[in-house]
Amino acid sequence: MFFFFTCGSTDMSSGLKGYETLNVVCPHCHNAAGISTPLQPIKRRTFFTFCFIPVFPIAWGKELRCSICQYRQSTTTEQLDGMVQNAPK
């Protein structure tokens, strides 16, 4: 009898609440979209999966992710608050 089990990881990311209006230019591709900003603050969680079912988180954090070039940069709440305060109005 042979059993086939799959193990791996999956990325479950979601938008970071409170920073939806943050408009930041991507430092990698230097792209600044008009209405929707390419560099979005997200809450990243990576889960260990067993048979395609997320079992437990193996990594988590906050990061800025570019929707155009897929650039990622880790960030903190303090850095995001500073970007909001320094943003042009």
PDB file of N, CA and C in Angstrom:
ATOM      1  N   MET A   1       0.842  -1.170   0.000  1.00  0.00           N
ATOM      2  CA  MET A   1       0.000   0.000   0.000  1.00  0.00           C
ATOM      3  C   MET A   1       0.894   1.241   0.000  1.00  0.00           C
ATOM      4  N   PHE A   2       0.550   2.196  -0.828  1.00  0.00           N
ATOM      5  CA  PHE A   2       1.337   3.414  -0.967  1.00  0.00           C
ATOM      6  C   PHE A   2       0.448   4.621  -0.674  1.00  0.00           C
ATOM      7  N   PHE A   3       0.931   5.471   0.217  1.00  0.00           N
ATOM      8  CA  PHE A   3       0.213   6.707   0.541  1.00  0.00           C
ATOM      9  C   PHE A   3       1.021   7.885   0.015  1.00  0.00           C
ATOM     10  N   PHE A   4       0.352   8.810  -0.599  1.00  0.00           N
ATOM     11  CA  PHE A   4       0.995   9.984  -1.169  1.00  0.00           C
ATOM     12  C   PHE A   4       0.574  11.208  -0.366  1.00  0.00           C
ATOM     13  N   PHE A   5       1.526  11.828   0.327  1.00  0.00           N
ATOM     14  CA  PHE A   5       1.254  13.019   1.123  1.00  0.00           C
ATOM     15  C   PHE A   5       2.029  14.190   0.532  1.00  0.00           C
ATOM     16  N   THR A   6       1.403  15.340   0.492  1.00  0.00           N
ATOM     17  CA  THR A   6       2.078  16.534   0.002  1.00  0.00           C
ATOM     18  C   THR A   6       2.279  17.508   1.151  1.00  0.00           C
ATOM     19  N   CYS A   7       3.461  18.072   1.197  1.00  0.00           N
ATOM     20  CA  CYS A   7       3.790  19.094   2.188  1.00  0.00           C
ATOM     21  C   CYS A   7       4.349  20.297   1.445  1.00  0.00           C
ATOM     22  N   GLY A   8       4.152  21.463   2.022  1.00  0.00           N
ATOM     23  CA  GLY A   8       4.680  22.666   1.385  1.00  0.00           C
ATOM     24  C   GLY A   8       4.344  23.892   2.200  1.00  0.00           C
ATOM     25  N   SER A   9       4.285  25.012   1.532  1.00  0.00           N
ATOM     26  CA  SER A   9       3.921  26.259   2.204  1.00  0.00           C
ATOM     27  C   SER A   9       3.066  27.089   1.262  1.00  0.00           C
ATOM     28  N   THR A  10       2.258  27.941   1.851  1.00  0.00           N
ATOM     29  CA  THR A  10       1.414  28.833   1.072  1.00  0.00           C
ATOM     30  C   THR A  10       1.419  30.216   1.701  1.00  0.00           C
ATOM     31  N   ASP A  11       1.322  31.221   0.855  1.00  0.00           N
ATOM     32  CA  ASP A  11       1.346  32.609   1.302  1.00  0.00           C
ATOM     33  C   ASP A  11      -0.085  33.119   1.393  1.00  0.00           C
ATOM     34  N   MET A  12      -0.483  33.533   2.590  1.00  0.00           N
ATOM     35  CA  MET A  12      -1.812  34.114   2.795  1.00  0.00           C
ATOM     36  C   MET A  12      -1.620  35.553   3.225  1.00  0.00           C
ATOM     37  N   SER A  13      -1.771  36.454   2.286  1.00  0.00           N
ATOM     38  CA  SER A  13      -1.552  37.874   2.555  1.00  0.00           C
ATOM     39  C   SER A  13      -2.864  38.622   2.443  1.00  0.00           C
ATOM     40  N   SER A  14      -2.951  39.700   3.199  1.00  0.00           N
ATOM     41  CA  SER A  14      -4.132  40.555   3.133  1.00  0.00           C
ATOM     42  C   SER A  14      -3.693  41.998   3.317  1.00  0.00           C
ATOM     43  N   GLY A  15      -4.546  42.907   2.890  1.00  0.00           N
ATOM     44  CA  GLY A  15      -4.247  44.328   3.033  1.00  0.00           C
ATOM     45  C   GLY A  15      -4.157  44.722   4.496  1.00  0.00           C
ATOM     46  N   LEU A  16      -3.313  45.682   4.784  1.00  0.00           N
ATOM     47  CA  LEU A  16      -3.116  46.153   6.156  1.00  0.00           C
ATOM     48  C   LEU A  16      -4.131  47.251   6.436  1.00  0.00           C
ATOM     49  N   LYS A  17      -5.009  47.011   7.403  1.00  0.00           N
ATOM     50  CA  LYS A  17      -6.072  47.963   7.708  1.00  0.00           C
ATOM     51  C   LYS A  17      -5.501  49.253   8.274  1.00  0.00           C
ATOM     52  N   GLY A  18      -6.072  50.371   7.844  1.00  0.00           N
ATOM     53  CA  GLY A  18      -5.640  51.677   8.302  1.00  0.00           C
ATOM     54  C   GLY A  18      -4.646  52.354   7.378  1.00  0.00           C
ATOM     55  N   TYR A  19      -4.114  51.616   6.411  1.00  0.00           N
ATOM     56  CA  TYR A  19      -3.114  52.175   5.496  1.00  0.00           C
ATOM     57  C   TYR A  19      -3.560  52.040   4.039  1.00  0.00           C
ATOM     58  N   GLU A  20      -4.862  51.987   3.803  1.00  0.00           N
ATOM     59  CA  GLU A  20      -5.378  51.809   2.444  1.00  0.00           C
ATOM     60  C   GLU A  20      -5.089  53.011   1.555  1.00  0.00           C
ATOM     61  N   THR A  21      -5.000  54.206   2.136  1.00  0.00           N
ATOM     62  CA  THR A  21      -4.806  55.424   1.339  1.00  0.00           C
ATOM     63  C   THR A  21      -3.341  55.812   1.186  1.00  0.00           C
ATOM     64  N   LEU A  22      -2.429  55.009   1.698  1.00  0.00           N
ATOM     65  CA  LEU A  22      -1.002  55.318   1.620  1.00  0.00           C
ATOM     66  C   LEU A  22      -0.536  55.230   0.170  1.00  0.00           C
ATOM     67  N   ASN A  23       0.095  56.284  -0.329  1.00  0.00           N
ATOM     68  CA  ASN A  23       0.558  56.339  -1.715  1.00  0.00           C
ATOM     69  C   ASN A  23       2.078  56.429  -1.711  1.00  0.00           C
ATOM     70  N   VAL A  24       2.746  55.347  -2.081  1.00  0.00           N
ATOM     71  CA  VAL A  24       4.205  55.262  -2.052  1.00  0.00           C
ATOM     72  C   VAL A  24       4.703  54.830  -3.426  1.00  0.00           C
ATOM     73  N   VAL A  25       5.785  55.432  -3.886  1.00  0.00           N
ATOM     74  CA  VAL A  25       6.413  55.060  -5.156  1.00  0.00           C
ATOM     75  C   VAL A  25       7.328  53.863  -4.912  1.00  0.00           C
ATOM     76  N   CYS A  26       7.283  52.887  -5.803  1.00  0.00           N
ATOM     77  CA  CYS A  26       8.110  51.689  -5.672  1.00  0.00           C
ATOM     78  C   CYS A  26       9.582  52.045  -5.874  1.00  0.00           C
ATOM     79  N   PRO A  27      10.476  51.682  -4.932  1.00  0.00           N
ATOM     80  CA  PRO A  27      11.895  52.004  -5.096  1.00  0.00           C
ATOM     81  C   PRO A  27      12.591  51.132  -6.145  1.00  0.00           C
ATOM     82  N   HIS A  28      11.959  50.050  -6.569  1.00  0.00           N
ATOM     83  CA  HIS A  28      12.579  49.149  -7.536  1.00  0.00           C
ATOM     84  C   HIS A  28      12.243  49.540  -8.973  1.00  0.00           C
ATOM     85  N   CYS A  29      10.951  49.670  -9.272  1.00  0.00           N
ATOM     86  CA  CYS A  29      10.552  49.994 -10.649  1.00  0.00           C
ATOM     87  C   CYS A  29      10.199  51.470 -10.819  1.00  0.00           C
ATOM     88  N   HIS A  30      10.190  52.236  -9.742  1.00  0.00           N
ATOM     89  CA  HIS A  30       9.903  53.679  -9.745  1.00  0.00           C
ATOM     90  C   HIS A  30       8.561  53.992 -10.389  1.00  0.00           C
ATOM     91  N   ASN A  31       7.609  53.106 -10.186  1.00  0.00           N
ATOM     92  CA  ASN A  31       6.298  53.289 -10.775  1.00  0.00           C
ATOM     93  C   ASN A  31       5.350  53.855  -9.731  1.00  0.00           C
ATOM     94  N   ALA A  32       4.578  54.829 -10.116  1.00  0.00           N
ATOM     95  CA  ALA A  32       3.547  55.409  -9.254  1.00  0.00           C
ATOM     96  C   ALA A  32       2.259  55.451 -10.051  1.00  0.00           C
ATOM     97  N   ALA A  33       1.388  54.514  -9.785  1.00  0.00           N
ATOM     98  CA  ALA A  33       0.115  54.470 -10.502  1.00  0.00           C
ATOM     99  C   ALA A  33      -0.770  55.615 -10.036  1.00  0.00           C
ATOM    100  N   GLY A  34      -1.690  56.027 -10.873  1.00  0.00           N
ATOM    101  CA  GLY A  34      -2.527  57.176 -10.546  1.00  0.00           C
ATOM    102  C   GLY A  34      -3.507  56.911  -9.421  1.00  0.00           C
ATOM    103  N   ILE A  35      -4.507  56.090  -9.650  1.00  0.00           N
ATOM    104  CA  ILE A  35      -5.552  55.873  -8.654  1.00  0.00           C
ATOM    105  C   ILE A  35      -5.152  54.776  -7.681  1.00  0.00           C
ATOM    106  N   SER A  36      -4.682  53.666  -8.179  1.00  0.00           N
ATOM    107  CA  SER A  36      -4.276  52.577  -7.287  1.00  0.00           C
ATOM    108  C   SER A  36      -2.756  52.574  -7.178  1.00  0.00           C
ATOM    109  N   THR A  37      -2.275  52.649  -5.965  1.00  0.00           N
ATOM    110  CA  THR A  37      -0.832  52.698  -5.743  1.00  0.00           C
ATOM    111  C   THR A  37      -0.217  51.320  -5.956  1.00  0.00           C
ATOM    112  N   PRO A  38       0.924  51.222  -6.620  1.00  0.00           N
ATOM    113  CA  PRO A  38       1.533  49.916  -6.843  1.00  0.00           C
ATOM    114  C   PRO A  38       2.144  49.326  -5.574  1.00  0.00           C
ATOM    115  N   LEU A  39       2.627  50.162  -4.667  1.00  0.00           N
ATOM    116  CA  LEU A  39       3.279  49.673  -3.454  1.00  0.00           C
ATOM    117  C   LEU A  39       2.256  49.676  -2.323  1.00  0.00           C
ATOM    118  N   GLN A  40       1.799  48.490  -1.954  1.00  0.00           N
ATOM    119  CA  GLN A  40       0.724  48.368  -0.985  1.00  0.00           C
ATOM    120  C   GLN A  40       1.223  47.745   0.302  1.00  0.00           C
ATOM    121  N   PRO A  41       0.832  48.296   1.461  1.00  0.00           N
ATOM    122  CA  PRO A  41       1.174  47.664   2.731  1.00  0.00           C
ATOM    123  C   PRO A  41       0.281  46.440   2.955  1.00  0.00           C
ATOM    124  N   ILE A  42       0.904  45.313   3.237  1.00  0.00           N
ATOM    125  CA  ILE A  42       0.150  44.078   3.450  1.00  0.00           C
ATOM    126  C   ILE A  42       0.611  43.391   4.725  1.00  0.00           C
ATOM    127  N   LYS A  43      -0.251  42.531   5.233  1.00  0.00           N
ATOM    128  CA  LYS A  43       0.089  41.659   6.352  1.00  0.00           C
ATOM    129  C   LYS A  43       0.352  40.281   5.746  1.00  0.00           C
ATOM    130  N   ARG A  44       1.591  39.825   5.834  1.00  0.00           N
ATOM    131  CA  ARG A  44       1.994  38.569   5.203  1.00  0.00           C
ATOM    132  C   ARG A  44       2.033  37.454   6.240  1.00  0.00           C
ATOM    133  N   ARG A  45       1.450  36.316   5.881  1.00  0.00           N
ATOM    134  CA  ARG A  45       1.521  35.120   6.711  1.00  0.00           C
ATOM    135  C   ARG A  45       1.807  33.921   5.811  1.00  0.00           C
ATOM    136  N   THR A  46       2.840  33.177   6.133  1.00  0.00           N
ATOM    137  CA  THR A  46       3.186  31.976   5.384  1.00  0.00           C
ATOM    138  C   THR A  46       2.874  30.769   6.254  1.00  0.00           C
ATOM    139  N   PHE A  47       2.067  29.849   5.730  1.00  0.00           N
ATOM    140  CA  PHE A  47       1.637  28.679   6.478  1.00  0.00           C
ATOM    141  C   PHE A  47       2.279  27.411   5.931  1.00  0.00           C
ATOM    142  N   PHE A  48       2.618  26.492   6.821  1.00  0.00           N
ATOM    143  CA  PHE A  48       3.009  25.137   6.444  1.00  0.00           C
ATOM    144  C   PHE A  48       1.733  24.403   6.057  1.00  0.00           C
ATOM    145  N   THR A  49       1.756  23.716   4.912  1.00  0.00           N
ATOM    146  CA  THR A  49       0.574  22.987   4.467  1.00  0.00           C
ATOM    147  C   THR A  49       0.850  21.492   4.427  1.00  0.00           C
ATOM    148  N   PHE A  50      -0.156  20.734   4.783  1.00  0.00           N
ATOM    149  CA  PHE A  50      -0.113  19.278   4.706  1.00  0.00           C
ATOM    150  C   PHE A  50      -1.343  18.848   3.918  1.00  0.00           C
ATOM    151  N   CYS A  51      -1.133  18.212   2.787  1.00  0.00           N
ATOM    152  CA  CYS A  51      -2.213  17.833   1.864  1.00  0.00           C
ATOM    153  C   CYS A  51      -3.047  19.056   1.480  1.00  0.00           C
ATOM    154  N   PHE A  52      -2.376  20.158   1.185  1.00  0.00           N
ATOM    155  CA  PHE A  52      -2.970  21.417   0.732  1.00  0.00           C
ATOM    156  C   PHE A  52      -3.827  22.104   1.789  1.00  0.00           C
ATOM    157  N   ILE A  53      -3.711  21.705   3.050  1.00  0.00           N
ATOM    158  CA  ILE A  53      -4.449  22.328   4.147  1.00  0.00           C
ATOM    159  C   ILE A  53      -3.460  23.105   5.000  1.00  0.00           C
ATOM    160  N   PRO A  54      -3.670  24.422   5.191  1.00  0.00           N
ATOM    161  CA  PRO A  54      -2.764  25.195   6.056  1.00  0.00           C
ATOM    162  C   PRO A  54      -2.851  24.691   7.492  1.00  0.00           C
ATOM    163  N   VAL A  55      -1.689  24.338   8.071  1.00  0.00           N
ATOM    164  CA  VAL A  55      -1.679  23.742   9.404  1.00  0.00           C
ATOM    165  C   VAL A  55      -1.264  24.760  10.461  1.00  0.00           C
ATOM    166  N   PHE A  56      -0.092  25.386  10.285  1.00  0.00           N
ATOM    167  CA  PHE A  56       0.362  26.382  11.261  1.00  0.00           C
ATOM    168  C   PHE A  56       1.249  27.404  10.559  1.00  0.00           C
ATOM    169  N   PRO A  57       1.280  28.643  11.093  1.00  0.00           N
ATOM    170  CA  PRO A  57       2.102  29.679  10.457  1.00  0.00           C
ATOM    171  C   PRO A  57       3.587  29.449  10.721  1.00  0.00           C
ATOM    172  N   ILE A  58       4.402  29.657   9.690  1.00  0.00           N
ATOM    173  CA  ILE A  58       5.851  29.517   9.857  1.00  0.00           C
ATOM    174  C   ILE A  58       6.559  30.858   9.724  1.00  0.00           C
ATOM    175  N   ALA A  59       5.867  31.878   9.183  1.00  0.00           N
ATOM    176  CA  ALA A  59       6.441  33.229   9.070  1.00  0.00           C
ATOM    177  C   ALA A  59       5.297  34.225   8.986  1.00  0.00           C
ATOM    178  N   TRP A  60       5.527  35.402   9.553  1.00  0.00           N
ATOM    179  CA  TRP A  60       4.526  36.460   9.491  1.00  0.00           C
ATOM    180  C   TRP A  60       5.203  37.797   9.633  1.00  0.00           C
ATOM    181  N   GLY A  61       4.525  38.823   9.198  1.00  0.00           N
ATOM    182  CA  GLY A  61       5.076  40.166   9.306  1.00  0.00           C
ATOM    183  C   GLY A  61       4.329  41.143   8.428  1.00  0.00           C
ATOM    184  N   LYS A  62       4.815  42.373   8.431  1.00  0.00           N
ATOM    185  CA  LYS A  62       4.247  43.437   7.607  1.00  0.00           C
ATOM    186  C   LYS A  62       5.264  43.781   6.536  1.00  0.00           C
ATOM    187  N   GLU A  63       4.767  44.018   5.335  1.00  0.00           N
ATOM    188  CA  GLU A  63       5.677  44.371   4.253  1.00  0.00           C
ATOM    189  C   GLU A  63       4.973  45.255   3.241  1.00  0.00           C
ATOM    190  N   LEU A  64       5.787  45.921   2.439  1.00  0.00           N
ATOM    191  CA  LEU A  64       5.305  46.691   1.301  1.00  0.00           C
ATOM    192  C   LEU A  64       5.535  45.836   0.060  1.00  0.00           C
ATOM    193  N   ARG A  65       4.499  45.644  -0.741  1.00  0.00           N
ATOM    194  CA  ARG A  65       4.614  44.800  -1.931  1.00  0.00           C
ATOM    195  C   ARG A  65       4.134  45.577  -3.148  1.00  0.00           C
ATOM    196  N   CYS A  66       4.968  45.583  -4.181  1.00  0.00           N
ATOM    197  CA  CYS A  66       4.617  46.254  -5.433  1.00  0.00           C
ATOM    198  C   CYS A  66       3.770  45.302  -6.279  1.00  0.00           C
ATOM    199  N   SER A  67       2.624  45.782  -6.719  1.00  0.00           N
ATOM    200  CA  SER A  67       1.739  44.943  -7.528  1.00  0.00           C
ATOM    201  C   SER A  67       2.189  44.864  -8.985  1.00  0.00           C
ATOM    202  N   ILE A  68       3.167  45.681  -9.370  1.00  0.00           N
ATOM    203  CA  ILE A  68       3.633  45.690 -10.758  1.00  0.00           C
ATOM    204  C   ILE A  68       4.869  44.805 -10.939  1.00  0.00           C
ATOM    205  N   CYS A  69       5.913  45.025 -10.117  1.00  0.00           N
ATOM    206  CA  CYS A  69       7.164  44.266 -10.289  1.00  0.00           C
ATOM    207  C   CYS A  69       7.366  43.199  -9.206  1.00  0.00           C
ATOM    208  N   GLN A  70       6.419  43.061  -8.271  1.00  0.00           N
ATOM    209  CA  GLN A  70       6.461  42.074  -7.182  1.00  0.00           C
ATOM    210  C   GLN A  70       7.599  42.306  -6.195  1.00  0.00           C
ATOM    211  N   TYR A  71       8.096  43.531  -6.102  1.00  0.00           N
ATOM    212  CA  TYR A  71       9.128  43.895  -5.127  1.00  0.00           C
ATOM    213  C   TYR A  71       8.528  43.812  -3.726  1.00  0.00           C
ATOM    214  N   ARG A  72       9.317  43.306  -2.766  1.00  0.00           N
ATOM    215  CA  ARG A  72       8.871  43.194  -1.379  1.00  0.00           C
ATOM    216  C   ARG A  72       9.892  43.824  -0.456  1.00  0.00           C
ATOM    217  N   GLN A  73       9.389  44.514   0.563  1.00  0.00           N
ATOM    218  CA  GLN A  73      10.263  45.120   1.562  1.00  0.00           C
ATOM    219  C   GLN A  73       9.580  45.002   2.915  1.00  0.00           C
ATOM    220  N   SER A  74      10.283  44.444   3.890  1.00  0.00           N
ATOM    221  CA  SER A  74       9.736  44.359   5.243  1.00  0.00           C
ATOM    222  C   SER A  74       9.613  45.752   5.834  1.00  0.00           C
ATOM    223  N   THR A  75       8.595  45.948   6.651  1.00  0.00           N
ATOM    224  CA  THR A  75       8.367  47.248   7.257  1.00  0.00           C
ATOM    225  C   THR A  75       7.787  47.076   8.656  1.00  0.00           C
ATOM    226  N   THR A  76       7.714  48.168   9.392  1.00  0.00           N
ATOM    227  CA  THR A  76       7.133  48.155  10.734  1.00  0.00           C
ATOM    228  C   THR A  76       5.992  49.166  10.783  1.00  0.00           C
ATOM    229  N   THR A  77       5.213  49.092  11.836  1.00  0.00           N
ATOM    230  CA  THR A  77       4.116  50.038  12.014  1.00  0.00           C
ATOM    231  C   THR A  77       4.639  51.454  12.167  1.00  0.00           C
ATOM    232  N   GLU A  78       5.776  51.615  12.846  1.00  0.00           N
ATOM    233  CA  GLU A  78       6.357  52.946  13.028  1.00  0.00           C
ATOM    234  C   GLU A  78       6.757  53.560  11.686  1.00  0.00           C
ATOM    235  N   GLN A  79       7.340  52.754  10.802  1.00  0.00           N
ATOM    236  CA  GLN A  79       7.723  53.252   9.482  1.00  0.00           C
ATOM    237  C   GLN A  79       6.491  53.642   8.664  1.00  0.00           C
ATOM    238  N   LEU A  80       5.435  52.840   8.743  1.00  0.00           N
ATOM    239  CA  LEU A  80       4.214  53.154   8.010  1.00  0.00           C
ATOM    240  C   LEU A  80       3.567  54.426   8.544  1.00  0.00           C
ATOM    241  N   ASP A  81       3.561  54.598   9.868  1.00  0.00           N
ATOM    242  CA  ASP A  81       3.007  55.822  10.455  1.00  0.00           C
ATOM    243  C   ASP A  81       3.801  57.043  10.010  1.00  0.00           C
ATOM    244  N   GLY A  82       5.124  56.912   9.916  1.00  0.00           N
ATOM    245  CA  GLY A  82       5.962  58.008   9.436  1.00  0.00           C
ATOM    246  C   GLY A  82       5.662  58.356   7.992  1.00  0.00           C
ATOM    247  N   MET A  83       5.389  57.341   7.151  1.00  0.00           N
ATOM    248  CA  MET A  83       5.045  57.594   5.753  1.00  0.00           C
ATOM    249  C   MET A  83       3.709  58.319   5.643  1.00  0.00           C
ATOM    250  N   VAL A  84       2.764  57.959   6.510  1.00  0.00           N
ATOM    251  CA  VAL A  84       1.455  58.616   6.484  1.00  0.00           C
ATOM    252  C   VAL A  84       1.586  60.074   6.898  1.00  0.00           C
ATOM    253  N   GLN A  85       2.388  60.356   7.925  1.00  0.00           N
ATOM    254  CA  GLN A  85       2.556  61.729   8.408  1.00  0.00           C
ATOM    255  C   GLN A  85       3.302  62.602   7.400  1.00  0.00           C
ATOM    256  N   ASN A  86       4.245  62.024   6.664  1.00  0.00           N
ATOM    257  CA  ASN A  86       5.041  62.787   5.698  1.00  0.00           C
ATOM    258  C   ASN A  86       4.412  62.849   4.313  1.00  0.00           C
ATOM    259  N   ALA A  87       3.267  62.200   4.138  1.00  0.00           N
ATOM    260  CA  ALA A  87       2.629  62.179   2.822  1.00  0.00           C
ATOM    261  C   ALA A  87       2.075  63.558   2.480  1.00  0.00           C
ATOM    262  N   PRO A  88       2.196  63.966   1.211  1.00  0.00           N
ATOM    263  CA  PRO A  88       1.614  65.258   0.809  1.00  0.00           C
ATOM    264  C   PRO A  88       0.094  65.192   0.865  1.00  0.00           C
ATOM    265  N   LYS A  89      -0.497  66.317   1.210  1.00  0.00           N
ATOM    266  CA  LYS A  89      -1.956  66.325   1.362  1.00  0.00           C
ATOM    267  C   LYS A  89      -2.633  67.050   0.250  1.00  0.00           C
TER     268      LYS A  89
END
